[in-house]
Amino acid sequence: MKKSIISIAIIAMFIFSLVPLAFAKEATEDANAETTAAASDNSGASANAGARAGIKATARSERTDDMKERNKEKLQKIAELDKKQIERLSNLEVKNVEKIANLKKDRLERLAKVSQEKIERFSELEQDKLEKISDLNEAELNKLGAMSRARLKEIAKDDVQKLRMDLKNTRLVKVKKAEDLDKRNVSDSRVSELREKFEKSREDFNKAKGDVESSRKELNDAVRSKNENKTIESGKKFLIRASDALTSHLEKLKSKVQESKNIPEDNVKSIVAEIDAEIAKINSIKAEVQAATTKEQLKDAAKKLREEWNKVKGIAKLHAERVVSARVEGIVNEGLVLEKKLDSIMAKAKEKNISIDVSAEANAFSEKIAASRNYYKQAQAKLSEALDLRANGEPTESDKISQLIKEADDLLKQARESLKEAHEALKELVKKIKEAIPDAKLSEENEVEVAEESNESSENNTTQASTSMNATASA
């Protein structure tokens, strides 16, 4: 038998998990560093380090105060601003205050209603984009400001009409961790149960695969001996073991689909129903094999099993890619939430007059996460197209569907590569933050606000396609 497609997919998923594990490792190392520093508070080295940090903080504070005063002088020339608005806007970089000051009265008033953090994010946009987004209402601006740096820059290129349409399908969500954005709530106990089932199915598959190879040799020996009874007996054993291998292969895939937290519930049910239908067909063929008494009956059963194997290969490839895509989505969500947590830390630092120059690293991290997001979205579109073709009668093993699955796989590889690059940018970002704020708690579960963009239409199409396939299979 050929190498299992789903096993390749699972290996890929384990590689993906290195990214969030690396995030966790970074946080753990930070926590260890904090503990070590606390234990040596009384040492002379710590005292000297604290003194140096205090001098630097004082210097930064003085520079920040000077900048705020200069900004206030510019902003006070704008008659439409009240004292509260001037105070909020004066914390911006000088170059960004100039862009804000160039806005017309009505635009400035709309922009000044959102939070300090969002105003800062908007002020980093180019002048023409800043003017365009300031035509949005307060609710729309709040959604836009909750997007990642990279997504904000990307969406700000659109005209106001398209901007409003995208924002209409966006909702603000407050989360403490990336799992809060999952499409499905799968309990830890259920995940543990499914992983045990997967391991059991993998063991069964490996055993059945080994048995198939040994029984194939036994069958060939029987055929060469021209002993019909022995040939029938060996043929039955070979086909039964092949049936068991196929069933175990599908059970592995089913466990991973059921474990996936970012495949919508309706889609999970449809995929599981299809897999169960294929398992039932294989078991039916297995029953025919067990009841066979002639070579002709065995040949007929072997033909059916071969046809089923060809079909199962296509199904396994398609749904394994969906599992991988869902895993990538989960990691991208981790990146989006982490970016917001880092923003929160930097905002608190600014309140304490601590200046951290991490804009390049923050932008690089955000852009790589956004790139990964775009790749997996494109991959999902390819998989949805493949499902639509299946719903319209195209065989899963056809060239058209195989090509779409290959293209989705290539896109997911690019998504994984972007995640690796994001992790490299993250390491530099964390290093600078820790240097400026040694007591920053990067792993803290503080609540952050993210903009969740709906993908409802494509998900509904996928669900409808899966439902149609199940109806066809049942018929």
Protein backbone atom coordinates (compact mmCIF):
# COMPACT_ATOMS: atom_id res chain seq x y z
CA MET A 1 0.00 0.00 0.00
CA LYS A 2 1.07 3.58 -0.61
CA LYS A 3 2.26 5.80 2.23
CA SER A 4 -0.61 7.24 4.23
CA ILE A 5 -1.56 10.78 3.24
CA ILE A 6 -3.04 11.57 6.63
CA SER A 7 0.16 10.56 8.40
CA ILE A 8 2.02 13.15 6.35
CA ALA A 9 -0.57 15.74 7.31
CA ILE A 10 -0.23 14.94 10.99
CA ILE A 11 3.56 15.28 10.81
CA ALA A 12 3.02 18.69 9.23
CA MET A 13 0.72 19.68 12.08
CA PHE A 14 3.34 18.73 14.64
CA ILE A 15 5.79 21.01 12.81
CA PHE A 16 3.25 23.84 12.97
CA SER A 17 2.92 23.43 16.70
CA LEU A 18 6.56 24.40 17.09
CA VAL A 19 5.54 28.02 16.56
CA PRO A 20 3.16 28.36 19.53
CA LEU A 21 5.49 26.16 21.54
CA ALA A 22 8.25 28.62 20.76
CA PHE A 23 5.99 31.43 21.98
CA ALA A 24 5.45 29.51 25.21
CA LYS A 25 9.16 28.79 25.55
CA GLU A 26 9.93 32.49 25.18
CA ALA A 27 7.43 33.30 27.92
CA THR A 28 8.83 30.57 30.14
CA GLU A 29 12.37 31.84 29.69
CA ASP A 30 11.13 35.33 30.52
CA ALA A 31 9.45 34.05 33.69
CA ASN A 32 12.64 32.25 34.70
CA ALA A 33 14.63 35.42 34.10
CA GLU A 34 12.19 37.37 36.30
CA THR A 35 12.52 34.79 39.08
CA THR A 36 16.32 34.88 38.89
CA ALA A 37 16.34 38.69 38.99
CA ALA A 38 14.03 38.72 42.02
CA ALA A 39 16.27 36.28 43.87
CA SER A 40 19.30 38.54 43.42
CA ASP A 41 17.71 41.88 44.34
CA ASN A 42 20.18 42.37 47.18
CA SER A 43 23.28 41.96 45.06
CA GLY A 44 25.46 44.91 44.08
CA ALA A 45 25.05 44.08 40.41
CA SER A 46 21.26 44.34 40.67
CA ALA A 47 21.54 47.65 42.50
CA ASN A 48 23.81 49.07 39.81
CA ALA A 49 21.50 47.77 37.07
CA GLY A 50 18.54 49.36 38.82
CA ALA A 51 20.35 52.68 39.09
CA ARG A 52 21.24 52.63 35.40
CA ALA A 53 17.65 51.77 34.50
CA GLY A 54 16.43 54.66 36.65
CA ILE A 55 18.74 57.14 34.92
CA LYS A 56 17.59 55.92 31.49
CA ALA A 57 13.93 56.12 32.55
CA THR A 58 14.40 59.71 33.76
CA ALA A 59 16.04 60.71 30.48
CA ARG A 60 13.25 59.04 28.49
CA SER A 61 10.64 60.76 30.63
CA GLU A 62 12.21 64.17 29.98
CA ARG A 63 12.31 63.56 26.23
CA THR A 64 8.68 62.41 26.24
CA ASP A 65 7.56 65.47 28.21
CA ASP A 66 9.35 67.77 25.75
CA MET A 67 7.67 66.02 22.82
CA LYS A 68 4.22 66.34 24.43
CA GLU A 69 4.71 70.07 25.01
CA ARG A 70 5.73 70.64 21.40
CA ASN A 71 2.73 68.63 20.21
CA LYS A 72 0.37 70.62 22.44
CA GLU A 73 1.59 73.87 20.93
CA LYS A 74 0.73 72.57 17.46
CA LEU A 75 -2.61 71.12 18.49
CA GLN A 76 -3.76 74.25 20.35
CA LYS A 77 -3.75 76.05 17.02
CA ILE A 78 -6.72 73.85 16.05
CA ALA A 79 -9.68 75.71 17.50
CA GLU A 80 -12.00 72.70 17.23
CA LEU A 81 -10.08 70.61 19.77
CA ASP A 82 -10.92 70.72 23.45
CA LYS A 83 -8.38 70.22 26.24
CA LYS A 84 -9.16 66.51 26.63
CA GLN A 85 -8.62 65.82 22.94
CA ILE A 86 -5.40 67.85 22.92
CA GLU A 87 -4.09 65.81 25.86
CA ARG A 88 -4.83 62.52 24.11
CA LEU A 89 -3.37 63.55 20.78
CA SER A 90 -0.26 65.15 22.27
CA ASN A 91 1.15 61.70 23.05
CA LEU A 92 1.56 60.94 19.34
CA GLU A 93 4.87 61.12 17.51
CA VAL A 94 5.60 64.63 16.18
CA LYS A 95 5.39 63.56 12.53
CA ASN A 96 2.01 61.91 13.18
CA VAL A 97 0.64 64.97 14.97
CA GLU A 98 1.30 66.97 11.83
CA LYS A 99 -0.80 64.52 9.79
CA ILE A 100 -3.61 64.70 12.35
CA ALA A 101 -3.45 68.49 12.41
CA ASN A 102 -4.04 68.58 8.64
CA LEU A 103 -7.44 66.88 8.93
CA LYS A 104 -10.65 68.86 8.49
CA LYS A 105 -12.79 69.60 11.53
CA ASP A 106 -15.45 66.90 11.02
CA ARG A 107 -12.83 64.22 10.32
CA LEU A 108 -10.76 65.24 13.31
CA GLU A 109 -13.77 65.11 15.63
CA ARG A 110 -14.67 61.57 14.48
CA LEU A 111 -11.11 60.35 14.87
CA ALA A 112 -10.68 61.91 18.31
CA LYS A 113 -13.54 59.77 19.72
CA VAL A 114 -11.69 56.45 19.59
CA SER A 115 -9.12 55.24 22.11
CA GLN A 116 -5.59 56.57 22.41
CA GLU A 117 -4.12 53.29 21.18
CA LYS A 118 -6.30 53.28 18.04
CA ILE A 119 -5.56 56.95 17.27
CA GLU A 120 -1.87 56.11 17.42
CA ARG A 121 -2.37 53.20 15.03
CA PHE A 122 -4.34 55.36 12.58
CA SER A 123 -1.81 58.20 12.74
CA GLU A 124 0.88 55.87 11.38
CA LEU A 125 -1.01 55.61 8.07
CA GLU A 126 -0.15 57.77 5.10
CA GLN A 127 -1.99 61.10 4.93
CA ASP A 128 -4.41 60.10 2.14
CA LYS A 129 -5.36 56.85 3.90
CA LEU A 130 -5.76 58.69 7.21
CA GLU A 131 -8.16 61.15 5.60
CA LYS A 132 -10.11 58.32 3.96
CA ILE A 133 -10.64 56.27 7.13
CA SER A 134 -11.63 59.39 9.09
CA ASP A 135 -14.80 59.44 6.95
CA LEU A 136 -15.93 56.30 8.82
CA ASN A 137 -18.24 56.48 11.82
CA GLU A 138 -17.13 55.75 15.39
CA ALA A 139 -18.25 52.10 15.38
CA GLU A 140 -16.44 51.45 12.09
CA LEU A 141 -13.30 53.19 13.33
CA ASN A 142 -13.31 51.05 16.48
CA LYS A 143 -13.46 47.86 14.39
CA LEU A 144 -10.72 49.09 12.09
CA GLY A 145 -8.49 50.08 15.00
CA ALA A 146 -8.76 46.60 16.51
CA MET A 147 -7.18 45.01 13.43
CA SER A 148 -3.52 44.05 13.30
CA ARG A 149 -1.00 46.53 11.94
CA ALA A 150 -0.61 44.66 8.66
CA ARG A 151 -4.34 44.13 8.16
CA LEU A 152 -5.04 47.82 8.86
CA LYS A 153 -2.52 48.90 6.22
CA GLU A 154 -3.95 46.38 3.76
CA ILE A 155 -7.62 47.27 4.22
CA ALA A 156 -6.93 51.03 4.29
CA LYS A 157 -6.02 50.78 0.59
CA ASP A 158 -9.67 50.07 -0.29
CA ASP A 159 -12.22 52.74 -1.09
CA VAL A 160 -14.62 53.79 1.66
CA GLN A 161 -17.53 51.76 0.23
CA LYS A 162 -15.55 48.50 0.25
CA LEU A 163 -14.10 49.40 3.65
CA ARG A 164 -17.60 49.74 5.06
CA MET A 165 -18.66 46.43 3.52
CA ASP A 166 -15.70 44.59 5.07
CA LEU A 167 -16.26 46.25 8.44
CA LYS A 168 -19.93 45.28 8.36
CA ASN A 169 -18.80 41.63 8.39
CA THR A 170 -16.36 42.28 11.24
CA ARG A 171 -17.08 42.07 14.93
CA LEU A 172 -15.09 43.11 17.98
CA VAL A 173 -14.24 40.27 20.34
CA LYS A 174 -12.56 40.47 23.74
CA VAL A 175 -10.37 37.46 24.43
CA LYS A 176 -7.77 36.32 26.93
CA LYS A 177 -6.23 33.63 24.74
CA ALA A 178 -6.28 32.48 21.12
CA GLU A 179 -8.52 29.51 21.94
CA ASP A 180 -11.34 31.99 22.58
CA LEU A 181 -11.46 32.49 18.79
CA ASP A 182 -11.87 28.78 18.00
CA LYS A 183 -14.88 27.85 15.90
CA ARG A 184 -15.61 24.84 18.12
CA ASN A 185 -15.33 24.21 21.83
CA VAL A 186 -13.65 20.84 22.26
CA SER A 187 -12.99 20.05 25.91
CA ASP A 188 -9.57 18.89 27.10
CA SER A 189 -11.02 15.54 28.11
CA ARG A 190 -12.53 15.11 24.63
CA VAL A 191 -9.22 16.04 22.99
CA SER A 192 -7.44 13.49 25.16
CA GLU A 193 -10.01 10.83 24.25
CA LEU A 194 -9.66 11.58 20.51
CA ARG A 195 -5.87 11.46 20.68
CA GLU A 196 -6.06 8.06 22.35
CA LYS A 197 -8.37 6.91 19.53
CA PHE A 198 -5.94 8.28 16.96
CA GLU A 199 -3.01 6.42 18.56
CA LYS A 200 -5.05 3.21 18.68
CA SER A 201 -6.03 3.62 15.01
CA ARG A 202 -2.41 4.33 14.07
CA GLU A 203 -1.26 1.15 15.85
CA ASP A 204 -4.03 -0.82 14.13
CA PHE A 205 -3.07 0.67 10.77
CA ASN A 206 0.63 -0.13 11.16
CA LYS A 207 -0.18 -3.70 12.21
CA ALA A 208 -2.66 -4.15 9.34
CA LYS A 209 -0.14 -2.70 6.88
CA GLY A 210 2.47 -5.21 8.05
CA ASP A 211 -0.05 -8.03 7.86
CA VAL A 212 -0.98 -7.00 4.30
CA GLU A 213 2.64 -7.31 3.19
CA SER A 214 3.07 -10.76 4.75
CA SER A 215 -0.27 -12.02 3.41
CA ARG A 216 0.59 -10.69 -0.06
CA LYS A 217 3.68 -12.92 -0.09
CA GLU A 218 1.59 -15.83 1.16
CA LEU A 219 -0.95 -15.24 -1.63
CA ASN A 220 1.75 -15.11 -4.31
CA ASP A 221 3.19 -18.41 -3.06
CA ALA A 222 -0.28 -19.98 -3.17
CA VAL A 223 -0.88 -18.78 -6.74
CA ARG A 224 2.47 -20.18 -7.87
CA SER A 225 1.67 -23.53 -6.23
CA LYS A 226 -1.60 -23.67 -8.25
CA ASN A 227 -3.43 -24.86 -5.15
CA GLU A 228 -6.93 -23.39 -5.55
CA ASN A 229 -8.06 -23.91 -1.95
CA LYS A 230 -4.88 -22.39 -0.59
CA THR A 231 -5.18 -19.50 -3.07
CA ILE A 232 -8.75 -18.74 -1.94
CA GLU A 233 -7.76 -18.95 1.72
CA SER A 234 -4.72 -16.69 1.22
CA GLY A 235 -6.71 -14.29 -0.97
CA LYS A 236 -9.37 -13.90 1.70
CA LYS A 237 -6.75 -13.24 4.36
CA PHE A 238 -5.05 -10.61 2.15
CA LEU A 239 -8.30 -8.74 1.35
CA ILE A 240 -9.51 -8.82 4.96
CA ARG A 241 -6.24 -7.31 6.17
CA ALA A 242 -6.33 -4.71 3.38
CA SER A 243 -9.88 -3.82 4.48
CA ASP A 244 -8.68 -3.45 8.07
CA ALA A 245 -5.84 -1.16 6.96
CA LEU A 246 -8.25 1.08 5.04
CA THR A 247 -10.65 1.26 7.97
CA SER A 248 -7.87 2.16 10.43
CA HIS A 249 -6.62 4.80 7.99
CA LEU A 250 -10.06 6.44 7.92
CA GLU A 251 -10.45 6.18 11.70
CA LYS A 252 -7.18 8.12 12.11
CA LEU A 253 -8.47 10.87 9.87
CA LYS A 254 -11.83 10.98 11.65
CA SER A 255 -10.16 11.48 15.04
CA LYS A 256 -8.13 14.42 13.75
CA VAL A 257 -11.18 16.03 12.13
CA GLN A 258 -13.15 15.70 15.37
CA GLU A 259 -10.25 17.19 17.33
CA SER A 260 -9.92 20.23 15.01
CA LYS A 261 -11.18 23.36 16.74
CA ASN A 262 -11.22 25.55 13.64
CA ILE A 263 -13.41 23.49 11.35
CA PRO A 264 -17.05 24.60 11.86
CA GLU A 265 -19.24 22.10 13.72
CA ASP A 266 -21.58 21.47 10.77
CA ASN A 267 -18.58 20.71 8.54
CA VAL A 268 -17.11 18.33 11.12
CA LYS A 269 -20.41 16.43 11.26
CA SER A 270 -20.55 16.21 7.46
CA ILE A 271 -16.97 14.96 7.15
CA VAL A 272 -17.45 12.39 9.92
CA ALA A 273 -20.68 11.19 8.29
CA GLU A 274 -18.87 10.73 4.98
CA ILE A 275 -15.99 8.85 6.60
CA ASP A 276 -18.43 6.59 8.47
CA ALA A 277 -20.22 5.88 5.18
CA GLU A 278 -16.92 4.84 3.57
CA ILE A 279 -16.06 2.62 6.55
CA ALA A 280 -19.48 0.96 6.24
CA LYS A 281 -18.83 0.27 2.52
CA ILE A 282 -15.43 -1.27 3.31
CA ASN A 283 -16.96 -3.44 6.03
CA SER A 284 -19.62 -4.58 3.55
CA ILE A 285 -16.91 -5.60 1.09
CA LYS A 286 -15.05 -7.34 3.92
CA ALA A 287 -18.20 -9.33 4.69
CA GLU A 288 -18.37 -10.41 1.02
CA VAL A 289 -14.75 -11.55 1.22
CA GLN A 290 -15.41 -13.59 4.36
CA ALA A 291 -18.39 -15.28 2.69
CA ALA A 292 -16.60 -15.96 -0.62
CA THR A 293 -16.06 -19.60 -1.64
CA THR A 294 -14.73 -19.17 -5.20
CA LYS A 295 -11.93 -17.27 -6.92
CA GLU A 296 -14.51 -15.36 -8.99
CA GLN A 297 -16.22 -14.08 -5.86
CA LEU A 298 -12.85 -13.01 -4.44
CA LYS A 299 -11.94 -11.23 -7.70
CA ASP A 300 -15.22 -9.35 -7.63
CA ALA A 301 -14.65 -8.30 -4.00
CA ALA A 302 -11.03 -7.34 -4.78
CA LYS A 303 -12.21 -5.10 -7.62
CA LYS A 304 -14.70 -3.35 -5.32
CA LEU A 305 -12.03 -2.87 -2.65
CA ARG A 306 -9.57 -1.45 -5.18
CA GLU A 307 -12.20 1.05 -6.39
CA GLU A 308 -12.94 1.99 -2.78
CA TRP A 309 -9.22 2.46 -2.07
CA ASN A 310 -8.89 4.87 -5.01
CA LYS A 311 -11.85 6.82 -3.70
CA VAL A 312 -10.60 6.83 -0.11
CA LYS A 313 -7.21 8.20 -1.19
CA GLY A 314 -8.90 11.29 -2.63
CA ILE A 315 -11.15 11.75 0.41
CA ALA A 316 -8.19 11.40 2.80
CA LYS A 317 -6.12 13.95 0.89
CA LEU A 318 -8.94 16.47 0.82
CA HIS A 319 -9.95 16.24 4.46
CA ALA A 320 -6.36 15.96 5.72
CA GLU A 321 -5.63 19.31 4.05
CA ARG A 322 -8.68 20.77 5.79
CA VAL A 323 -7.32 19.58 9.13
CA VAL A 324 -3.94 21.17 8.36
CA SER A 325 -5.60 24.42 7.25
CA ALA A 326 -7.57 24.55 10.50
CA ARG A 327 -4.37 24.02 12.49
CA VAL A 328 -2.68 26.91 10.65
CA GLU A 329 -5.71 29.11 11.38
CA GLY A 330 -5.37 28.35 15.08
CA ILE A 331 -1.70 29.36 15.08
CA VAL A 332 -2.44 32.55 13.13
CA ASN A 333 -5.04 33.40 15.78
CA GLU A 334 -2.33 32.95 18.41
CA GLY A 335 -0.21 35.45 16.51
CA LEU A 336 -3.04 37.98 16.28
CA VAL A 337 -3.80 37.76 20.01
CA LEU A 338 -0.11 37.90 20.89
CA GLU A 339 0.32 41.09 18.83
CA LYS A 340 -2.48 42.69 20.85
CA LYS A 341 -0.92 41.59 24.14
CA LEU A 342 2.41 43.09 23.10
CA ASP A 343 0.62 46.31 22.12
CA SER A 344 -0.94 46.40 25.59
CA ILE A 345 2.48 46.05 27.22
CA MET A 346 3.92 48.84 25.05
CA ALA A 347 0.94 51.10 25.79
CA LYS A 348 1.48 50.64 29.52
CA ALA A 349 5.17 51.40 29.03
CA LYS A 350 4.28 54.64 27.29
CA GLU A 351 2.05 55.63 30.21
CA LYS A 352 5.15 55.27 32.41
CA ASN A 353 7.20 57.37 29.93
CA ILE A 354 9.21 54.32 28.88
CA SER A 355 10.07 54.55 25.20
CA ILE A 356 10.61 51.30 23.26
CA ASP A 357 11.65 51.46 19.60
CA VAL A 358 10.18 48.20 18.31
CA SER A 359 8.12 49.49 15.40
CA ALA A 360 10.21 47.62 12.80
CA GLU A 361 9.98 44.31 14.67
CA ALA A 362 6.26 44.77 15.48
CA ASN A 363 5.49 45.54 11.82
CA ALA A 364 7.54 42.57 10.61
CA PHE A 365 5.76 40.21 13.02
CA SER A 366 2.34 41.56 12.03
CA GLU A 367 3.11 41.34 8.30
CA LYS A 368 4.28 37.72 8.52
CA ILE A 369 1.21 36.70 10.50
CA ALA A 370 -0.98 38.51 7.94
CA ALA A 371 0.85 36.77 5.09
CA SER A 372 0.23 33.38 6.70
CA ARG A 373 -3.42 34.32 7.15
CA ASN A 374 -3.74 35.23 3.46
CA TYR A 375 -2.10 31.97 2.37
CA TYR A 376 -4.39 29.77 4.46
CA LYS A 377 -7.44 31.77 3.31
CA GLN A 378 -6.42 31.07 -0.29
CA ALA A 379 -5.90 27.41 0.59
CA GLN A 380 -9.37 27.26 2.12
CA ALA A 381 -10.80 28.74 -1.09
CA LYS A 382 -9.09 26.00 -3.14
CA LEU A 383 -10.48 23.31 -0.84
CA SER A 384 -13.96 24.84 -1.01
CA GLU A 385 -13.73 24.81 -4.81
CA ALA A 386 -12.77 21.12 -4.70
CA LEU A 387 -15.76 20.41 -2.46
CA ASP A 388 -18.08 22.28 -4.83
CA LEU A 389 -16.82 20.14 -7.72
CA ARG A 390 -17.48 16.99 -5.70
CA ALA A 391 -20.98 18.19 -4.87
CA ASN A 392 -21.60 18.58 -8.61
CA GLY A 393 -20.57 15.00 -9.35
CA GLU A 394 -16.83 15.32 -9.98
CA PRO A 395 -14.98 12.20 -8.66
CA THR A 396 -12.69 12.94 -5.72
CA GLU A 397 -9.77 11.29 -7.53
CA SER A 398 -10.22 13.41 -10.70
CA ASP A 399 -7.37 15.55 -12.08
CA LYS A 400 -9.29 18.77 -11.40
CA ILE A 401 -9.79 18.03 -7.70
CA SER A 402 -6.28 16.60 -7.31
CA GLN A 403 -4.83 19.81 -8.76
CA LEU A 404 -6.86 21.97 -6.38
CA ILE A 405 -5.70 19.89 -3.42
CA LYS A 406 -2.08 20.23 -4.58
CA GLU A 407 -2.46 24.01 -4.90
CA ALA A 408 -3.98 24.17 -1.41
CA ASP A 409 -1.08 22.12 -0.07
CA ASP A 410 1.46 24.50 -1.67
CA LEU A 411 -0.33 27.50 -0.16
CA LEU A 412 -0.33 25.90 3.29
CA LYS A 413 3.42 25.30 2.99
CA GLN A 414 3.85 29.03 2.31
CA ALA A 415 1.63 29.78 5.32
CA ARG A 416 3.89 27.64 7.51
CA GLU A 417 6.99 29.38 6.18
CA SER A 418 5.49 32.79 7.03
CA LEU A 419 4.79 31.54 10.56
CA LYS A 420 8.43 30.56 10.97
CA GLU A 421 9.52 34.03 9.80
CA ALA A 422 7.00 35.61 12.18
CA HIS A 423 8.59 33.70 15.03
CA GLU A 424 12.03 35.11 14.17
CA ALA A 425 10.64 38.67 14.24
CA LEU A 426 8.89 37.86 17.52
CA LYS A 427 12.13 36.82 19.21
CA GLU A 428 13.72 40.20 18.43
CA LEU A 429 10.57 42.03 19.54
CA VAL A 430 10.43 40.20 22.87
CA LYS A 431 14.14 40.75 23.46
CA LYS A 432 13.80 44.54 23.10
CA ILE A 433 10.72 44.68 25.32
CA LYS A 434 12.45 42.69 28.04
CA GLU A 435 15.48 44.96 27.88
CA ALA A 436 13.30 48.05 28.35
CA ILE A 437 10.79 46.49 30.78
CA PRO A 438 12.44 43.61 32.67
CA ASP A 439 9.26 42.90 34.66
CA ALA A 440 6.97 42.69 31.59
CA LYS A 441 4.71 39.64 31.92
CA LEU A 442 4.36 38.41 28.35
CA SER A 443 2.42 35.29 29.31
CA GLU A 444 -0.16 37.13 31.40
CA GLU A 445 -3.77 36.35 30.45
CA ASN A 446 -4.97 39.94 30.21
CA GLU A 447 -8.02 40.62 28.07
CA VAL A 448 -7.45 42.15 24.63
CA GLU A 449 -9.75 43.28 21.83
CA VAL A 450 -9.43 41.75 18.35
CA ALA A 451 -11.35 42.26 15.13
CA GLU A 452 -12.83 38.98 13.91
CA GLU A 453 -13.59 39.08 10.20
CA SER A 454 -16.42 36.82 9.15
CA ASN A 455 -15.86 34.11 6.55
CA GLU A 456 -19.47 33.00 6.82
CA SER A 457 -20.31 32.77 3.12
CA SER A 458 -17.45 30.42 2.21
CA GLU A 459 -18.10 28.28 5.29
CA ASN A 460 -21.77 27.98 4.40
CA ASN A 461 -20.84 26.96 0.85
CA THR A 462 -18.53 24.29 2.23
CA THR A 463 -21.23 22.98 4.55
CA GLN A 464 -23.75 22.86 1.72
CA ALA A 465 -21.26 21.03 -0.50
CA SER A 466 -20.52 18.47 2.23
CA THR A 467 -24.25 17.98 2.88
CA SER A 468 -24.86 17.40 -0.83
CA MET A 469 -22.09 14.79 -0.95
CA ASN A 470 -23.53 12.95 2.01
CA ALA A 471 -26.97 12.94 0.40
CA THR A 472 -25.43 11.55 -2.81
CA ALA A 473 -23.52 8.88 -0.85
CA SER A 474 -26.65 7.84 1.03
CA ALA A 475 -28.62 7.58 -2.21
